[in-house]
N, C-alpha and C. Protein backbone atom coordinates (compact mmCIF):
# COMPACT_ATOMS: atom_id res chain seq x y z
N UNK A 1 -15.45 4.30 22.22
CA UNK A 1 -15.92 4.62 20.88
C UNK A 1 -15.16 5.83 20.36
N UNK A 2 -14.61 5.69 19.17
CA UNK A 2 -13.82 6.76 18.57
C UNK A 2 -14.55 7.38 17.40
N UNK A 3 -14.29 8.68 17.17
CA UNK A 3 -14.83 9.35 16.01
C UNK A 3 -14.00 8.90 14.81
N UNK A 4 -14.51 7.95 14.07
CA UNK A 4 -13.75 7.34 12.98
C UNK A 4 -13.46 8.32 11.86
N UNK A 5 -14.35 9.27 11.62
CA UNK A 5 -14.14 10.22 10.53
C UNK A 5 -12.93 11.12 10.79
N UNK A 6 -12.82 11.63 12.00
CA UNK A 6 -11.69 12.50 12.33
C UNK A 6 -10.40 11.70 12.36
N UNK A 7 -10.44 10.49 12.90
CA UNK A 7 -9.26 9.65 12.97
C UNK A 7 -8.75 9.29 11.57
N UNK A 8 -9.64 8.84 10.70
CA UNK A 8 -9.25 8.44 9.34
C UNK A 8 -8.84 9.66 8.52
N UNK A 9 -9.57 10.77 8.64
CA UNK A 9 -9.21 11.99 7.91
C UNK A 9 -7.84 12.51 8.31
N UNK A 10 -7.57 12.52 9.60
CA UNK A 10 -6.26 12.99 10.09
C UNK A 10 -5.13 12.07 9.64
N UNK A 11 -5.34 10.78 9.78
CA UNK A 11 -4.32 9.81 9.35
C UNK A 11 -4.08 9.93 7.84
N UNK A 12 -5.11 10.16 7.08
CA UNK A 12 -4.97 10.30 5.62
C UNK A 12 -4.15 11.53 5.27
N UNK A 13 -4.35 12.63 5.99
CA UNK A 13 -3.57 13.84 5.73
C UNK A 13 -2.09 13.64 6.08
N UNK A 14 -1.82 12.91 7.14
CA UNK A 14 -0.43 12.62 7.51
C UNK A 14 0.22 11.74 6.43
N UNK A 15 -0.49 10.73 5.97
CA UNK A 15 0.03 9.86 4.91
C UNK A 15 0.27 10.66 3.64
N UNK A 16 -0.66 11.55 3.31
CA UNK A 16 -0.50 12.39 2.11
C UNK A 16 0.72 13.28 2.22
N UNK A 17 0.97 13.83 3.40
CA UNK A 17 2.15 14.69 3.59
C UNK A 17 3.44 13.89 3.42
N UNK A 18 3.48 12.69 3.97
CA UNK A 18 4.67 11.84 3.83
C UNK A 18 4.91 11.51 2.36
N UNK A 19 3.86 11.14 1.66
CA UNK A 19 3.99 10.81 0.24
C UNK A 19 4.41 12.03 -0.56
N UNK A 20 3.84 13.19 -0.25
CA UNK A 20 4.18 14.41 -0.96
C UNK A 20 5.67 14.71 -0.86
N UNK A 21 6.20 14.70 0.35
CA UNK A 21 7.61 15.04 0.54
C UNK A 21 8.55 13.95 0.03
N UNK A 22 8.09 12.71 -0.02
CA UNK A 22 8.94 11.61 -0.49
C UNK A 22 8.98 11.51 -2.02
N UNK A 23 8.08 12.19 -2.71
CA UNK A 23 7.99 12.02 -4.16
C UNK A 23 8.32 13.28 -4.93
N UNK A 24 9.01 14.21 -4.35
CA UNK A 24 9.32 15.45 -5.05
C UNK A 24 10.40 15.29 -6.11
N UNK A 25 11.12 14.18 -6.13
CA UNK A 25 12.20 14.01 -7.12
C UNK A 25 11.81 13.05 -8.25
N UNK A 26 10.51 12.81 -8.43
CA UNK A 26 10.06 11.93 -9.50
C UNK A 26 10.17 12.62 -10.85
N UNK A 27 10.13 11.81 -11.91
CA UNK A 27 10.13 12.37 -13.26
C UNK A 27 8.85 13.17 -13.49
N UNK A 28 8.84 13.93 -14.57
CA UNK A 28 7.68 14.79 -14.86
C UNK A 28 6.40 13.96 -14.99
N UNK A 29 6.44 12.88 -15.76
CA UNK A 29 5.25 12.05 -15.94
C UNK A 29 4.87 11.32 -14.65
N UNK A 30 5.86 10.81 -13.95
CA UNK A 30 5.59 10.13 -12.68
C UNK A 30 5.02 11.09 -11.66
N UNK A 31 5.54 12.31 -11.65
CA UNK A 31 5.05 13.33 -10.72
C UNK A 31 3.63 13.75 -11.00
N UNK A 32 3.25 13.81 -12.28
CA UNK A 32 1.88 14.18 -12.63
C UNK A 32 0.89 13.17 -12.04
N UNK A 33 1.19 11.90 -12.21
CA UNK A 33 0.30 10.85 -11.68
C UNK A 33 0.20 10.93 -10.15
N UNK A 34 1.35 11.04 -9.50
CA UNK A 34 1.37 11.08 -8.04
C UNK A 34 0.65 12.33 -7.54
N UNK A 35 0.90 13.48 -8.16
CA UNK A 35 0.25 14.72 -7.72
C UNK A 35 -1.26 14.66 -7.91
N UNK A 36 -1.71 14.07 -9.01
CA UNK A 36 -3.14 13.92 -9.23
C UNK A 36 -3.75 13.05 -8.13
N UNK A 37 -3.13 11.91 -7.87
CA UNK A 37 -3.64 11.01 -6.82
C UNK A 37 -3.62 11.68 -5.46
N UNK A 38 -2.56 12.44 -5.17
CA UNK A 38 -2.49 13.13 -3.89
C UNK A 38 -3.56 14.20 -3.76
N UNK A 39 -3.85 14.91 -4.83
CA UNK A 39 -4.89 15.94 -4.80
C UNK A 39 -6.24 15.32 -4.46
N UNK A 40 -6.56 14.22 -5.13
CA UNK A 40 -7.82 13.53 -4.85
C UNK A 40 -7.83 12.99 -3.42
N UNK A 41 -6.72 12.40 -3.00
CA UNK A 41 -6.60 11.83 -1.65
C UNK A 41 -6.79 12.89 -0.57
N UNK A 42 -6.14 14.05 -0.75
CA UNK A 42 -6.26 15.14 0.23
C UNK A 42 -7.69 15.68 0.24
N UNK A 43 -8.30 15.84 -0.93
CA UNK A 43 -9.68 16.34 -0.99
C UNK A 43 -10.62 15.40 -0.23
N UNK A 44 -10.45 14.09 -0.42
CA UNK A 44 -11.29 13.13 0.29
C UNK A 44 -11.01 13.14 1.80
N UNK A 45 -9.76 13.32 2.18
CA UNK A 45 -9.42 13.38 3.60
C UNK A 45 -10.04 14.61 4.25
N UNK A 46 -10.01 15.74 3.57
CA UNK A 46 -10.61 16.97 4.11
C UNK A 46 -12.12 16.79 4.23
N UNK A 47 -12.75 16.19 3.23
CA UNK A 47 -14.19 15.93 3.32
C UNK A 47 -14.52 15.01 4.50
N UNK A 48 -13.66 14.04 4.72
CA UNK A 48 -13.86 13.12 5.86
C UNK A 48 -13.74 13.87 7.19
N UNK A 49 -12.78 14.79 7.28
CA UNK A 49 -12.64 15.59 8.49
C UNK A 49 -13.86 16.48 8.71
N UNK A 50 -14.33 17.11 7.65
CA UNK A 50 -15.52 17.97 7.77
C UNK A 50 -16.71 17.14 8.25
N UNK A 51 -16.89 15.97 7.66
CA UNK A 51 -17.98 15.09 8.09
C UNK A 51 -17.84 14.72 9.57
N UNK A 52 -16.59 14.52 10.00
CA UNK A 52 -16.35 14.16 11.39
C UNK A 52 -16.76 15.24 12.37
N UNK A 53 -16.71 16.49 11.94
CA UNK A 53 -17.13 17.59 12.81
C UNK A 53 -18.62 17.87 12.70
N UNK A 54 -19.20 17.65 11.52
CA UNK A 54 -20.62 17.94 11.31
C UNK A 54 -21.50 16.80 11.78
N UNK A 55 -21.20 15.60 11.32
CA UNK A 55 -22.01 14.42 11.66
C UNK A 55 -21.08 13.26 11.99
N UNK A 56 -20.50 13.27 13.19
CA UNK A 56 -19.51 12.24 13.53
C UNK A 56 -20.12 10.85 13.61
N UNK A 57 -19.31 9.88 13.21
CA UNK A 57 -19.69 8.48 13.33
C UNK A 57 -18.73 7.83 14.32
N UNK A 58 -19.27 7.34 15.39
CA UNK A 58 -18.44 6.73 16.43
C UNK A 58 -18.53 5.22 16.31
N UNK A 59 -17.37 4.59 16.20
CA UNK A 59 -17.33 3.14 16.04
C UNK A 59 -16.26 2.55 16.96
N UNK A 60 -16.45 1.29 17.24
CA UNK A 60 -15.43 0.53 17.95
C UNK A 60 -14.58 -0.13 16.87
N UNK A 61 -13.27 0.18 16.84
CA UNK A 61 -12.44 -0.27 15.74
C UNK A 61 -12.21 -1.77 15.73
N UNK A 62 -11.93 -2.35 16.84
CA UNK A 62 -11.68 -3.79 16.88
C UNK A 62 -12.69 -4.42 17.81
N UNK A 63 -13.59 -5.20 17.22
CA UNK A 63 -14.63 -5.83 18.03
C UNK A 63 -14.14 -7.13 18.66
N UNK A 64 -13.02 -7.65 18.18
CA UNK A 64 -12.48 -8.88 18.77
C UNK A 64 -10.96 -8.86 18.70
N UNK A 65 -10.36 -9.71 19.50
CA UNK A 65 -8.91 -9.83 19.51
C UNK A 65 -8.42 -10.40 18.17
N UNK A 66 -9.19 -11.31 17.59
CA UNK A 66 -8.83 -11.89 16.30
C UNK A 66 -8.76 -10.83 15.22
N UNK A 67 -9.74 -9.95 15.20
CA UNK A 67 -9.77 -8.86 14.21
C UNK A 67 -8.55 -7.96 14.38
N UNK A 68 -8.24 -7.60 15.61
CA UNK A 68 -7.07 -6.76 15.88
C UNK A 68 -5.78 -7.47 15.45
N UNK A 69 -5.67 -8.75 15.77
CA UNK A 69 -4.48 -9.51 15.40
C UNK A 69 -4.31 -9.61 13.89
N UNK A 70 -5.42 -9.76 13.16
CA UNK A 70 -5.35 -9.81 11.69
C UNK A 70 -4.81 -8.50 11.12
N UNK A 71 -5.24 -7.39 11.67
CA UNK A 71 -4.75 -6.08 11.21
C UNK A 71 -3.26 -5.95 11.54
N UNK A 72 -2.86 -6.36 12.72
CA UNK A 72 -1.45 -6.27 13.12
C UNK A 72 -0.58 -7.14 12.22
N UNK A 73 -1.01 -8.36 11.93
CA UNK A 73 -0.25 -9.24 11.04
C UNK A 73 -0.14 -8.63 9.65
N UNK A 74 -1.23 -8.07 9.13
CA UNK A 74 -1.20 -7.40 7.83
C UNK A 74 -0.22 -6.24 7.81
N UNK A 75 -0.19 -5.45 8.88
CA UNK A 75 0.77 -4.34 8.96
C UNK A 75 2.20 -4.84 9.05
N UNK A 76 2.43 -5.93 9.76
CA UNK A 76 3.78 -6.50 9.86
C UNK A 76 4.24 -6.98 8.48
N UNK A 77 3.35 -7.63 7.73
CA UNK A 77 3.69 -8.08 6.38
C UNK A 77 4.04 -6.87 5.50
N UNK A 78 3.27 -5.81 5.61
CA UNK A 78 3.54 -4.59 4.83
C UNK A 78 4.87 -3.95 5.22
N UNK A 79 5.17 -3.90 6.50
CA UNK A 79 6.44 -3.31 6.97
C UNK A 79 7.63 -4.14 6.48
N UNK A 80 7.50 -5.45 6.53
CA UNK A 80 8.58 -6.32 6.02
C UNK A 80 8.79 -6.07 4.53
N UNK A 81 7.70 -5.96 3.79
CA UNK A 81 7.77 -5.68 2.34
C UNK A 81 8.52 -4.38 2.10
N UNK A 82 8.15 -3.33 2.80
CA UNK A 82 8.81 -2.03 2.61
C UNK A 82 10.27 -2.07 3.05
N UNK A 83 10.58 -2.90 4.04
CA UNK A 83 11.95 -2.98 4.54
C UNK A 83 12.86 -3.75 3.58
N UNK A 84 12.34 -4.78 2.91
CA UNK A 84 13.20 -5.57 2.03
C UNK A 84 13.28 -5.01 0.62
N UNK A 85 12.35 -4.14 0.23
CA UNK A 85 12.35 -3.62 -1.13
C UNK A 85 13.65 -2.92 -1.53
N UNK A 86 14.26 -2.09 -0.68
CA UNK A 86 15.53 -1.46 -1.10
C UNK A 86 16.66 -2.47 -1.32
N UNK A 87 16.57 -3.63 -0.71
CA UNK A 87 17.64 -4.63 -0.81
C UNK A 87 17.46 -5.58 -1.99
N UNK A 88 16.23 -6.05 -2.21
CA UNK A 88 16.03 -7.03 -3.29
C UNK A 88 15.30 -6.43 -4.49
N UNK A 89 14.84 -5.20 -4.38
CA UNK A 89 14.22 -4.53 -5.51
C UNK A 89 12.71 -4.62 -5.52
N UNK A 90 12.13 -3.84 -6.42
CA UNK A 90 10.66 -3.76 -6.52
C UNK A 90 10.04 -5.07 -6.96
N UNK A 91 10.53 -5.64 -8.05
CA UNK A 91 9.87 -6.83 -8.60
C UNK A 91 9.89 -8.03 -7.66
N UNK A 92 11.05 -8.48 -7.18
CA UNK A 92 11.02 -9.67 -6.30
C UNK A 92 10.24 -9.44 -5.01
N UNK A 93 10.43 -8.27 -4.39
CA UNK A 93 9.72 -8.02 -3.13
C UNK A 93 8.22 -7.91 -3.36
N UNK A 94 7.82 -7.31 -4.48
CA UNK A 94 6.38 -7.17 -4.76
C UNK A 94 5.74 -8.51 -5.11
N UNK A 95 6.46 -9.36 -5.86
CA UNK A 95 5.95 -10.71 -6.13
C UNK A 95 5.71 -11.44 -4.80
N UNK A 96 6.69 -11.39 -3.93
CA UNK A 96 6.59 -12.06 -2.64
C UNK A 96 5.47 -11.47 -1.79
N UNK A 97 5.41 -10.14 -1.69
CA UNK A 97 4.39 -9.47 -0.88
C UNK A 97 2.99 -9.81 -1.39
N UNK A 98 2.78 -9.68 -2.69
CA UNK A 98 1.45 -9.92 -3.25
C UNK A 98 1.02 -11.36 -3.02
N UNK A 99 1.94 -12.30 -3.21
CA UNK A 99 1.62 -13.71 -3.00
C UNK A 99 1.28 -13.98 -1.53
N UNK A 100 2.12 -13.50 -0.62
CA UNK A 100 1.90 -13.74 0.81
C UNK A 100 0.60 -13.08 1.27
N UNK A 101 0.36 -11.84 0.84
CA UNK A 101 -0.84 -11.13 1.29
C UNK A 101 -2.11 -11.79 0.72
N UNK A 102 -2.05 -12.25 -0.52
CA UNK A 102 -3.20 -12.93 -1.11
C UNK A 102 -3.50 -14.22 -0.36
N UNK A 103 -2.46 -14.96 -0.02
CA UNK A 103 -2.66 -16.19 0.74
C UNK A 103 -3.18 -15.90 2.14
N UNK A 104 -2.66 -14.85 2.78
CA UNK A 104 -3.09 -14.51 4.13
C UNK A 104 -4.55 -14.05 4.16
N UNK A 105 -4.94 -13.26 3.18
CA UNK A 105 -6.31 -12.74 3.16
C UNK A 105 -7.32 -13.75 2.63
N UNK A 106 -6.85 -14.78 1.93
CA UNK A 106 -7.75 -15.80 1.39
C UNK A 106 -8.34 -16.66 2.50
N UNK A 107 -9.47 -17.23 2.21
CA UNK A 107 -10.16 -18.05 3.21
C UNK A 107 -10.00 -19.54 2.98
N UNK A 108 -9.33 -19.93 1.88
CA UNK A 108 -9.26 -21.34 1.52
C UNK A 108 -8.12 -22.10 2.19
N UNK A 109 -7.11 -21.41 2.71
CA UNK A 109 -5.99 -22.09 3.34
C UNK A 109 -4.82 -22.27 2.39
N UNK A 110 -3.79 -22.94 2.88
CA UNK A 110 -2.56 -23.12 2.11
C UNK A 110 -2.58 -24.45 1.36
N UNK A 111 -3.28 -24.47 0.25
CA UNK A 111 -3.25 -25.65 -0.61
C UNK A 111 -2.32 -25.35 -1.79
N UNK A 112 -1.88 -26.39 -2.45
CA UNK A 112 -0.99 -26.20 -3.61
C UNK A 112 -1.68 -25.34 -4.66
N UNK A 113 -2.95 -25.59 -4.89
CA UNK A 113 -3.70 -24.82 -5.88
C UNK A 113 -3.73 -23.33 -5.50
N UNK A 114 -4.02 -23.01 -4.25
CA UNK A 114 -4.10 -21.61 -3.82
C UNK A 114 -2.75 -20.91 -3.91
N UNK A 115 -1.70 -21.63 -3.58
CA UNK A 115 -0.35 -21.04 -3.68
C UNK A 115 -0.03 -20.74 -5.14
N UNK A 116 -0.34 -21.67 -6.05
CA UNK A 116 -0.07 -21.45 -7.47
C UNK A 116 -0.93 -20.32 -8.04
N UNK A 117 -2.19 -20.27 -7.66
CA UNK A 117 -3.07 -19.19 -8.13
C UNK A 117 -2.58 -17.84 -7.61
N UNK A 118 -2.21 -17.77 -6.33
CA UNK A 118 -1.72 -16.51 -5.75
C UNK A 118 -0.42 -16.07 -6.41
N UNK A 119 0.48 -17.00 -6.64
CA UNK A 119 1.76 -16.66 -7.30
C UNK A 119 1.52 -16.22 -8.74
N UNK A 120 0.65 -16.90 -9.45
CA UNK A 120 0.33 -16.51 -10.83
C UNK A 120 -0.31 -15.15 -10.91
N UNK A 121 -1.23 -14.89 -10.02
CA UNK A 121 -1.88 -13.59 -9.96
C UNK A 121 -0.87 -12.50 -9.63
N UNK A 122 0.05 -12.80 -8.72
CA UNK A 122 1.09 -11.84 -8.36
C UNK A 122 1.96 -11.50 -9.56
N UNK A 123 2.33 -12.49 -10.35
CA UNK A 123 3.16 -12.25 -11.53
C UNK A 123 2.43 -11.33 -12.51
N UNK A 124 1.17 -11.60 -12.75
CA UNK A 124 0.40 -10.78 -13.71
C UNK A 124 0.23 -9.36 -13.19
N UNK A 125 -0.25 -9.19 -11.96
CA UNK A 125 -0.55 -7.86 -11.43
C UNK A 125 0.71 -7.04 -11.23
N UNK A 126 1.73 -7.60 -10.61
CA UNK A 126 2.96 -6.85 -10.33
C UNK A 126 3.67 -6.49 -11.62
N UNK A 127 3.72 -7.41 -12.57
CA UNK A 127 4.36 -7.11 -13.85
C UNK A 127 3.61 -5.99 -14.58
N UNK A 128 2.30 -6.01 -14.53
CA UNK A 128 1.50 -4.96 -15.16
C UNK A 128 1.82 -3.60 -14.51
N UNK A 129 1.82 -3.55 -13.19
CA UNK A 129 2.14 -2.30 -12.51
C UNK A 129 3.58 -1.85 -12.79
N UNK A 130 4.49 -2.81 -12.87
CA UNK A 130 5.88 -2.49 -13.17
C UNK A 130 5.99 -1.77 -14.51
N UNK A 131 5.38 -2.34 -15.55
CA UNK A 131 5.47 -1.73 -16.87
C UNK A 131 4.75 -0.39 -16.94
N UNK A 132 3.63 -0.27 -16.27
CA UNK A 132 2.93 1.02 -16.27
C UNK A 132 3.79 2.09 -15.61
N UNK A 133 4.32 1.81 -14.44
CA UNK A 133 5.06 2.84 -13.71
C UNK A 133 6.48 3.02 -14.23
N UNK A 134 7.20 1.95 -14.49
CA UNK A 134 8.60 2.03 -14.89
C UNK A 134 8.76 2.46 -16.34
N UNK A 135 8.04 1.84 -17.24
CA UNK A 135 8.24 2.07 -18.66
C UNK A 135 7.38 3.22 -19.21
N UNK A 136 6.12 3.29 -18.79
CA UNK A 136 5.23 4.30 -19.35
C UNK A 136 5.34 5.63 -18.61
N UNK A 137 5.23 5.60 -17.27
CA UNK A 137 5.29 6.83 -16.49
C UNK A 137 6.71 7.22 -16.09
N UNK A 138 7.67 6.33 -16.32
CA UNK A 138 9.08 6.56 -16.01
C UNK A 138 9.33 6.87 -14.53
N UNK A 139 8.62 6.18 -13.66
CA UNK A 139 8.82 6.32 -12.23
C UNK A 139 9.99 5.42 -11.83
N UNK A 140 11.00 5.97 -11.15
CA UNK A 140 12.12 5.11 -10.74
C UNK A 140 11.69 4.15 -9.63
N UNK A 141 11.91 2.88 -9.86
CA UNK A 141 11.56 1.86 -8.87
C UNK A 141 12.84 1.24 -8.34
N UNK A 142 12.85 0.85 -7.07
CA UNK A 142 14.07 0.28 -6.49
C UNK A 142 14.53 -0.98 -7.23
N UNK A 143 15.81 -1.00 -7.62
CA UNK A 143 16.35 -2.18 -8.28
C UNK A 143 16.93 -3.14 -7.25
N UNK A 144 17.27 -2.65 -6.09
CA UNK A 144 17.78 -3.50 -5.03
C UNK A 144 19.29 -3.46 -4.92
N UNK A 145 19.80 -3.11 -3.76
CA UNK A 145 21.24 -3.03 -3.56
C UNK A 145 21.89 -4.41 -3.59
N UNK A 146 21.12 -5.44 -3.31
CA UNK A 146 21.63 -6.80 -3.32
C UNK A 146 22.10 -7.20 -4.71
N UNK A 147 21.46 -6.65 -5.76
CA UNK A 147 21.76 -7.02 -7.13
C UNK A 147 22.72 -6.05 -7.82
N UNK A 148 23.14 -5.01 -7.13
CA UNK A 148 24.06 -4.04 -7.74
C UNK A 148 25.48 -4.61 -7.74
N UNK A 149 26.21 -4.31 -8.78
CA UNK A 149 27.62 -4.73 -8.85
C UNK A 149 28.45 -3.86 -7.94
N UNK A 150 29.41 -4.47 -7.26
CA UNK A 150 30.22 -3.68 -6.33
C UNK A 150 31.48 -3.18 -6.93
């Protein structure tokens, strides 16, 4: 049994530090959004750590092998997404990631209808995020080295 509050709080602070150092070259508007989110994220992580010392909650993280395998597969999908994004760009990799993750997390299986719904949802959600971050907040998003002229 692990103290989930201390584990999650510590992991959150590490993630916040990585994001902080990776986003120092963003535009002014993009930086404001990221800094606001990081401030809230760090505050919640610190509260989680405090809770872990005052009133710890001990839980077993994976109650079954299936549950553990589902988390591992989800992490592998995320790592592949992050690995291919610099090569094919934000939009194509995000469309693919969102579609695959929606299908993986869904309970209905791989039917034609579910694939079309997942792909359609991916187009709407990813395009919306693209315009918010790229056009409105002016956050630079990877265009992909595969598509650059040599």
